[in-house]
C-alpha atoms as a PDB file:
ATOM      1  CA  UNK A   1     -36.096  -0.918   5.661  1.00  0.00           C
ATOM      2  CA  UNK A   2     -32.183  -1.517   5.436  1.00  0.00           C
ATOM      3  CA  UNK A   3     -31.900   0.143   2.169  1.00  0.00           C
ATOM      4  CA  UNK A   4     -29.756  -2.464   0.138  1.00  0.00           C
ATOM      5  CA  UNK A   5     -25.909  -2.494   0.159  1.00  0.00           C
ATOM      6  CA  UNK A   6     -23.721  -0.108  -2.715  1.00  0.00           C
ATOM      7  CA  UNK A   7     -21.305  -1.479  -4.889  1.00  0.00           C
ATOM      8  CA  UNK A   8     -18.439   0.655  -3.099  1.00  0.00           C
ATOM      9  CA  UNK A   9     -19.766  -1.119   0.281  1.00  0.00           C
ATOM     10  CA  UNK A  10     -20.318  -4.720  -0.542  1.00  0.00           C
ATOM     11  CA  UNK A  11     -16.486  -4.283  -2.271  1.00  0.00           C
ATOM     12  CA  UNK A  12     -15.047  -3.087   0.902  1.00  0.00           C
ATOM     13  CA  UNK A  13     -17.352  -6.271   2.713  1.00  0.00           C
ATOM     14  CA  UNK A  14     -15.517  -8.942   0.409  1.00  0.00           C
ATOM     15  CA  UNK A  15     -12.213  -7.042  -0.035  1.00  0.00           C
ATOM     16  CA  UNK A  16     -11.568  -8.665   3.854  1.00  0.00           C
ATOM     17  CA  UNK A  17     -12.656 -11.995   2.828  1.00  0.00           C
ATOM     18  CA  UNK A  18     -11.672 -12.382  -0.317  1.00  0.00           C
ATOM     19  CA  UNK A  19      -7.842 -13.142   0.613  1.00  0.00           C
ATOM     20  CA  UNK A  20      -8.820 -16.583   2.394  1.00  0.00           C
ATOM     21  CA  UNK A  21     -10.141 -18.136  -0.355  1.00  0.00           C
ATOM     22  CA  UNK A  22      -7.326 -16.521  -2.951  1.00  0.00           C
ATOM     23  CA  UNK A  23      -5.289 -18.376  -0.759  1.00  0.00           C
ATOM     24  CA  UNK A  24      -6.706 -21.929  -1.911  1.00  0.00           C
ATOM     25  CA  UNK A  25      -7.863 -20.998  -5.413  1.00  0.00           C
ATOM     26  CA  UNK A  26      -5.946 -17.720  -6.545  1.00  0.00           C
ATOM     27  CA  UNK A  27      -7.810 -14.528  -7.490  1.00  0.00           C
ATOM     28  CA  UNK A  28     -10.585 -16.132  -9.776  1.00  0.00           C
ATOM     29  CA  UNK A  29     -14.020 -16.582  -9.847  1.00  0.00           C
ATOM     30  CA  UNK A  30     -14.185 -19.048  -7.736  1.00  0.00           C
ATOM     31  CA  UNK A  31     -12.582 -17.468  -5.118  1.00  0.00           C
ATOM     32  CA  UNK A  32     -14.986 -14.452  -5.677  1.00  0.00           C
ATOM     33  CA  UNK A  33     -18.243 -16.720  -5.509  1.00  0.00           C
ATOM     34  CA  UNK A  34     -16.601 -18.308  -2.619  1.00  0.00           C
ATOM     35  CA  UNK A  35     -16.071 -14.575  -0.703  1.00  0.00           C
ATOM     36  CA  UNK A  36     -19.435 -13.990  -2.007  1.00  0.00           C
ATOM     37  CA  UNK A  37     -21.250 -16.843  -0.296  1.00  0.00           C
ATOM     38  CA  UNK A  38     -19.606 -15.889   3.126  1.00  0.00           C
ATOM     39  CA  UNK A  39     -21.014 -12.714   3.584  1.00  0.00           C
ATOM     40  CA  UNK A  40     -24.146 -13.592   1.963  1.00  0.00           C
ATOM     41  CA  UNK A  41     -23.763 -11.390  -1.436  1.00  0.00           C
ATOM     42  CA  UNK A  42     -25.632 -12.525  -4.537  1.00  0.00           C
ATOM     43  CA  UNK A  43     -22.299 -14.099  -6.537  1.00  0.00           C
ATOM     44  CA  UNK A  44     -24.175 -11.700  -9.502  1.00  0.00           C
ATOM     45  CA  UNK A  45     -24.098  -8.270  -7.649  1.00  0.00           C
ATOM     46  CA  UNK A  46     -20.164  -9.302  -6.451  1.00  0.00           C
ATOM     47  CA  UNK A  47     -19.094  -9.681  -9.770  1.00  0.00           C
ATOM     48  CA  UNK A  48     -20.604  -6.332 -11.289  1.00  0.00           C
ATOM     49  CA  UNK A  49     -18.100  -5.175  -7.798  1.00  0.00           C
ATOM     50  CA  UNK A  50     -15.408  -5.978  -9.478  1.00  0.00           C
ATOM     51  CA  UNK A  51     -15.656  -6.100 -13.709  1.00  0.00           C
ATOM     52  CA  UNK A  52     -11.963  -6.541 -14.846  1.00  0.00           C
ATOM     53  CA  UNK A  53     -11.663  -9.555 -11.661  1.00  0.00           C
ATOM     54  CA  UNK A  54      -8.463 -10.473 -10.444  1.00  0.00           C
ATOM     55  CA  UNK A  55      -6.657  -6.944  -9.979  1.00  0.00           C
ATOM     56  CA  UNK A  56     -10.177  -5.195  -9.281  1.00  0.00           C
ATOM     57  CA  UNK A  57      -9.557  -8.220  -6.754  1.00  0.00           C
ATOM     58  CA  UNK A  58      -6.858  -7.549  -5.661  1.00  0.00           C
ATOM     59  CA  UNK A  59      -7.062  -3.673  -5.744  1.00  0.00           C
ATOM     60  CA  UNK A  60      -9.698  -3.837  -3.243  1.00  0.00           C
ATOM     61  CA  UNK A  61      -7.623  -6.446  -1.066  1.00  0.00           C
ATOM     62  CA  UNK A  62      -4.130  -3.224  -0.793  1.00  0.00           C
ATOM     63  CA  UNK A  63      -7.334  -0.620  -0.455  1.00  0.00           C
ATOM     64  CA  UNK A  64      -8.486  -2.899   2.565  1.00  0.00           C
ATOM     65  CA  UNK A  65      -5.386  -2.956   4.069  1.00  0.00           C
ATOM     66  CA  UNK A  66      -4.262   0.473   3.708  1.00  0.00           C
ATOM     67  CA  UNK A  67      -6.953   1.345   6.196  1.00  0.00           C
ATOM     68  CA  UNK A  68      -5.970  -1.322   8.606  1.00  0.00           C
ATOM     69  CA  UNK A  69      -3.002   0.178   9.040  1.00  0.00           C
ATOM     70  CA  UNK A  70      -3.868   3.296   9.202  1.00  0.00           C
ATOM     71  CA  UNK A  71      -6.544   1.557  11.994  1.00  0.00           C
ATOM     72  CA  UNK A  72      -3.694   0.216  13.702  1.00  0.00           C
ATOM     73  CA  UNK A  73      -1.710   3.630  13.983  1.00  0.00           C
ATOM     74  CA  UNK A  74      -4.193   5.909  14.453  1.00  0.00           C
ATOM     75  CA  UNK A  75      -3.105  10.170  14.441  1.00  0.00           C
ATOM     76  CA  UNK A  76      -2.499  10.042  18.226  1.00  0.00           C
ATOM     77  CA  UNK A  77       0.009   7.207  18.310  1.00  0.00           C
ATOM     78  CA  UNK A  78       1.609   8.814  15.579  1.00  0.00           C
ATOM     79  CA  UNK A  79       1.832  11.538  16.478  1.00  0.00           C
ATOM     80  CA  UNK A  80       4.135  10.646  19.334  1.00  0.00           C
ATOM     81  CA  UNK A  81       7.153   9.021  17.024  1.00  0.00           C
ATOM     82  CA  UNK A  82       9.712  10.463  15.031  1.00  0.00           C
ATOM     83  CA  UNK A  83       9.869  10.510  11.488  1.00  0.00           C
ATOM     84  CA  UNK A  84      11.211   7.849  11.071  1.00  0.00           C
ATOM     85  CA  UNK A  85      10.380   5.455  13.737  1.00  0.00           C
ATOM     86  CA  UNK A  86       6.311   6.656  11.988  1.00  0.00           C
ATOM     87  CA  UNK A  87       7.399   5.678   8.593  1.00  0.00           C
ATOM     88  CA  UNK A  88       8.798   2.008  10.164  1.00  0.00           C
ATOM     89  CA  UNK A  89       6.135   1.770  11.728  1.00  0.00           C
ATOM     90  CA  UNK A  90       3.524   1.990   9.040  1.00  0.00           C
ATOM     91  CA  UNK A  91       4.943  -0.317   6.596  1.00  0.00           C
ATOM     92  CA  UNK A  92       5.704  -3.065   9.588  1.00  0.00           C
ATOM     93  CA  UNK A  93       2.322  -2.842  10.023  1.00  0.00           C
ATOM     94  CA  UNK A  94       0.934  -3.224   6.366  1.00  0.00           C
ATOM     95  CA  UNK A  95       3.589  -6.214   6.545  1.00  0.00           C
ATOM     96  CA  UNK A  96       1.716  -7.556   9.676  1.00  0.00           C
ATOM     97  CA  UNK A  97      -1.584  -7.242   7.831  1.00  0.00           C
ATOM     98  CA  UNK A  98      -0.488  -8.622   5.067  1.00  0.00           C
ATOM     99  CA  UNK A  99       1.515 -11.562   6.471  1.00  0.00           C
ATOM    100  CA  UNK A 100      -1.411 -13.171   7.607  1.00  0.00           C
ATOM    101  CA  UNK A 101      -2.604 -13.807   3.545  1.00  0.00           C
ATOM    102  CA  UNK A 102       0.697 -14.336   2.902  1.00  0.00           C
ATOM    103  CA  UNK A 103       0.227 -17.373  -0.131  1.00  0.00           C
ATOM    104  CA  UNK A 104      -2.883 -15.041  -1.177  1.00  0.00           C
ATOM    105  CA  UNK A 105       0.202 -12.263  -1.286  1.00  0.00           C
ATOM    106  CA  UNK A 106       1.790 -14.678  -3.655  1.00  0.00           C
ATOM    107  CA  UNK A 107      -0.645 -15.259  -5.302  1.00  0.00           C
ATOM    108  CA  UNK A 108      -1.666 -11.589  -5.870  1.00  0.00           C
ATOM    109  CA  UNK A 109       1.928 -10.536  -6.805  1.00  0.00           C
ATOM    110  CA  UNK A 110       1.785 -13.108  -9.715  1.00  0.00           C
ATOM    111  CA  UNK A 111      -0.765 -11.417 -10.901  1.00  0.00           C
ATOM    112  CA  UNK A 112       0.268  -7.876 -11.151  1.00  0.00           C
ATOM    113  CA  UNK A 113       3.233  -9.335 -12.433  1.00  0.00           C
ATOM    114  CA  UNK A 114       1.223  -9.697 -15.873  1.00  0.00           C
ATOM    115  CA  UNK A 115       1.994  -7.661 -18.447  1.00  0.00           C
ATOM    116  CA  UNK A 116      -0.757  -6.472 -18.771  1.00  0.00           C
ATOM    117  CA  UNK A 117      -1.476  -5.547 -15.301  1.00  0.00           C
ATOM    118  CA  UNK A 118       2.171  -3.937 -14.255  1.00  0.00           C
ATOM    119  CA  UNK A 119       1.189   0.142 -15.439  1.00  0.00           C
ATOM    120  CA  UNK A 120      -2.028  -0.706 -11.961  1.00  0.00           C
ATOM    121  CA  UNK A 121       1.032  -2.220  -9.605  1.00  0.00           C
ATOM    122  CA  UNK A 122       2.788   0.946  -9.946  1.00  0.00           C
ATOM    123  CA  UNK A 123      -0.108   2.558  -9.306  1.00  0.00           C
ATOM    124  CA  UNK A 124      -1.001   0.353  -6.067  1.00  0.00           C
ATOM    125  CA  UNK A 125       2.654   0.912  -5.090  1.00  0.00           C
ATOM    126  CA  UNK A 126       2.002   4.571  -5.154  1.00  0.00           C
ATOM    127  CA  UNK A 127      -0.819   4.433  -3.411  1.00  0.00           C
ATOM    128  CA  UNK A 128       0.186   2.700  -0.705  1.00  0.00           C
ATOM    129  CA  UNK A 129       3.761   4.459  -0.086  1.00  0.00           C
ATOM    130  CA  UNK A 130       1.328   7.845  -0.294  1.00  0.00           C
ATOM    131  CA  UNK A 131      -0.624   6.469   2.320  1.00  0.00           C
ATOM    132  CA  UNK A 132       1.617   5.334   4.505  1.00  0.00           C
ATOM    133  CA  UNK A 133       3.675   9.588   4.113  1.00  0.00           C
ATOM    134  CA  UNK A 134       0.623  10.866   4.493  1.00  0.00           C
ATOM    135  CA  UNK A 135      -0.053   8.799   7.939  1.00  0.00           C
ATOM    136  CA  UNK A 136       3.522  10.047   8.531  1.00  0.00           C
ATOM    137  CA  UNK A 137       2.452  13.809   8.847  1.00  0.00           C
ATOM    138  CA  UNK A 138       4.272  14.107   4.775  1.00  0.00           C
ATOM    139  CA  UNK A 139       2.919  17.671   3.776  1.00  0.00           C
ATOM    140  CA  UNK A 140       5.395  18.240   0.984  1.00  0.00           C
ATOM    141  CA  UNK A 141       3.930  19.831  -2.325  1.00  0.00           C
ATOM    142  CA  UNK A 142       6.770  19.720  -4.585  1.00  0.00           C
ATOM    143  CA  UNK A 143       9.909  17.575  -5.956  1.00  0.00           C
ATOM    144  CA  UNK A 144       9.440  16.036  -2.210  1.00  0.00           C
ATOM    145  CA  UNK A 145       6.793  14.628  -2.204  1.00  0.00           C
ATOM    146  CA  UNK A 146       7.214  12.325  -5.746  1.00  0.00           C
ATOM    147  CA  UNK A 147      11.116  11.597  -4.476  1.00  0.00           C
ATOM    148  CA  UNK A 148       9.903  10.498  -0.741  1.00  0.00           C
ATOM    149  CA  UNK A 149       6.569   8.144  -2.637  1.00  0.00           C
ATOM    150  CA  UNK A 150       8.520   6.804  -4.902  1.00  0.00           C
ATOM    151  CA  UNK A 151      11.944   5.475  -2.551  1.00  0.00           C
ATOM    152  CA  UNK A 152       9.302   4.532   0.012  1.00  0.00           C
ATOM    153  CA  UNK A 153       7.516   2.150  -2.902  1.00  0.00           C
ATOM    154  CA  UNK A 154      10.850   0.892  -3.664  1.00  0.00           C
ATOM    155  CA  UNK A 155      11.808   0.038   0.108  1.00  0.00           C
ATOM    156  CA  UNK A 156       8.324  -1.381   0.289  1.00  0.00           C
ATOM    157  CA  UNK A 157       8.413  -3.318  -2.559  1.00  0.00           C
ATOM    158  CA  UNK A 158      11.520  -4.842  -1.759  1.00  0.00           C
ATOM    159  CA  UNK A 159      11.110  -5.513   1.547  1.00  0.00           C
ATOM    160  CA  UNK A 160       7.335  -7.613   0.603  1.00  0.00           C
ATOM    161  CA  UNK A 161       9.817  -9.645  -1.167  1.00  0.00           C
ATOM    162  CA  UNK A 162      12.626 -10.584   1.596  1.00  0.00           C
ATOM    163  CA  UNK A 163       9.066 -10.962   3.586  1.00  0.00           C
ATOM    164  CA  UNK A 164       7.601 -13.968   0.885  1.00  0.00           C
ATOM    165  CA  UNK A 165      11.595 -16.160   1.420  1.00  0.00           C
ATOM    166  CA  UNK A 166      11.797 -14.798   5.188  1.00  0.00           C
ATOM    167  CA  UNK A 167      12.346 -18.671   7.135  1.00  0.00           C
ATOM    168  CA  UNK A 168      13.409 -16.919  10.548  1.00  0.00           C
ATOM    169  CA  UNK A 169      11.643 -16.464  13.842  1.00  0.00           C
ATOM    170  CA  UNK A 170       8.813 -13.883  13.524  1.00  0.00           C
ATOM    171  CA  UNK A 171      10.359 -12.501  10.295  1.00  0.00           C
ATOM    172  CA  UNK A 172      13.538 -11.255  12.383  1.00  0.00           C
ATOM    173  CA  UNK A 173      15.118 -10.891   8.427  1.00  0.00           C
ATOM    174  CA  UNK A 174      12.375  -9.298   7.290  1.00  0.00           C
ATOM    175  CA  UNK A 175      12.436  -7.033  10.126  1.00  0.00           C
ATOM    176  CA  UNK A 176      15.576  -5.989   9.480  1.00  0.00           C
ATOM    177  CA  UNK A 177      16.458  -5.600   6.037  1.00  0.00           C
ATOM    178  CA  UNK A 178      13.747  -2.886   6.601  1.00  0.00           C
ATOM    179  CA  UNK A 179      15.729  -1.131   9.177  1.00  0.00           C
ATOM    180  CA  UNK A 180      18.257  -0.561   7.108  1.00  0.00           C
ATOM    181  CA  UNK A 181      16.318   0.758   4.038  1.00  0.00           C
ATOM    182  CA  UNK A 182      14.747   2.868   6.399  1.00  0.00           C
ATOM    183  CA  UNK A 183      18.082   4.220   7.191  1.00  0.00           C
ATOM    184  CA  UNK A 184      18.914   4.829   3.715  1.00  0.00           C
ATOM    185  CA  UNK A 185      15.760   6.890   3.309  1.00  0.00           C
ATOM    186  CA  UNK A 186      16.401   8.897   6.112  1.00  0.00           C
ATOM    187  CA  UNK A 187      20.783   9.510   5.191  1.00  0.00           C
ATOM    188  CA  UNK A 188      18.815  10.504   1.497  1.00  0.00           C
ATOM    189  CA  UNK A 189      15.928  13.135   3.415  1.00  0.00           C
ATOM    190  CA  UNK A 190      19.284  15.000   5.206  1.00  0.00           C
ATOM    191  CA  UNK A 191      21.463  14.631   2.525  1.00  0.00           C
ATOM    192  CA  UNK A 192      18.606  15.882   0.180  1.00  0.00           C
ATOM    193  CA  UNK A 193      17.629  18.310   2.628  1.00  0.00           C
ATOM    194  CA  UNK A 194      21.482  19.408   2.564  1.00  0.00           C
ATOM    195  CA  UNK A 195      21.566  19.957  -1.290  1.00  0.00           C
ATOM    196  CA  UNK A 196      18.377  21.569  -1.040  1.00  0.00           C
ATOM    197  CA  UNK A 197      19.251  24.610   1.528  1.00  0.00           C
ATOM    198  CA  UNK A 198      23.236  24.939  -0.780  1.00  0.00           C
ATOM    199  CA  UNK A 199      21.366  25.113  -3.915  1.00  0.00           C
ATOM    200  CA  UNK A 200      17.812  26.886  -3.902  1.00  0.00           C
ATOM    201  CA  UNK A 201      17.761  27.995  -7.295  1.00  0.00           C
ATOM    202  CA  UNK A 202      18.422  24.342  -8.696  1.00  0.00           C
ATOM    203  CA  UNK A 203      14.867  23.429  -7.060  1.00  0.00           C
ATOM    204  CA  UNK A 204      12.497  25.459 -10.353  1.00  0.00           C
ATOM    205  CA  UNK A 205      11.699  21.583 -11.300  1.00  0.00           C
ATOM    206  CA  UNK A 206      10.356  21.042  -7.883  1.00  0.00           C
ATOM    207  CA  UNK A 207       8.580  24.147  -7.515  1.00  0.00           C
ATOM    208  CA  UNK A 208       6.901  23.376 -10.827  1.00  0.00           C
ATOM    209  CA  UNK A 209       5.198  19.883 -10.139  1.00  0.00           C
ATOM    210  CA  UNK A 210       4.457  21.073  -6.488  1.00  0.00           C
ATOM    211  CA  UNK A 211       2.374  23.991  -8.899  1.00  0.00           C
ATOM    212  CA  UNK A 212       0.691  21.540 -11.058  1.00  0.00           C
ATOM    213  CA  UNK A 213      -0.980  18.996  -7.945  1.00  0.00           C
ATOM    214  CA  UNK A 214      -1.573  21.786  -6.023  1.00  0.00           C
ATOM    215  CA  UNK A 215      -1.831  23.968  -8.587  1.00  0.00           C
ATOM    216  CA  UNK A 216      -2.602  28.518  -7.375  1.00  0.00           C
ATOM    217  CA  UNK A 217      -5.834  29.917  -7.633  1.00  0.00           C
END
């Protein structure tokens, strides 16, 4: 006898289906009902998987996007690339995935821009940046851990906005925009590395934050 799926498993199933309906109905109860019907899940149970409604649904979709990004770019593929190319490829892969449901993305960003959802929007942006840096092989535990994710999160958010208004063929303008922003990240990282080597005593804050994240045992 097959066991009933858990709420987490149902959430994952629905996350892949939801954007197709959110594009037309928004991130609403109607979209959830249609997604649940398409997946053969009882709507009452589906609602339990997303107790906070729209923000929970968007959160699940973005988690699905992160997983799809990692499937598209497995570790063995990234290993052969330089760090700049890894980050570019990961960001572009994520953009390509959400671009398939661009109207759902527009509606999701509108929901996340509401005052009550700003904190969650920031967490989701950080999670995406963290997933990309971890996939790229970043192992920093000091201040670099935080600065890299903050900067990449800003670059990703800005590139998403550029993509939403991009009417060029194959979104060439978005790709060019991303390339310029990645260049900026790499220049910053090189400058930061030079500063780090020349002034190690100034990094006490970074060491402190690193210990908070990974305390010594």
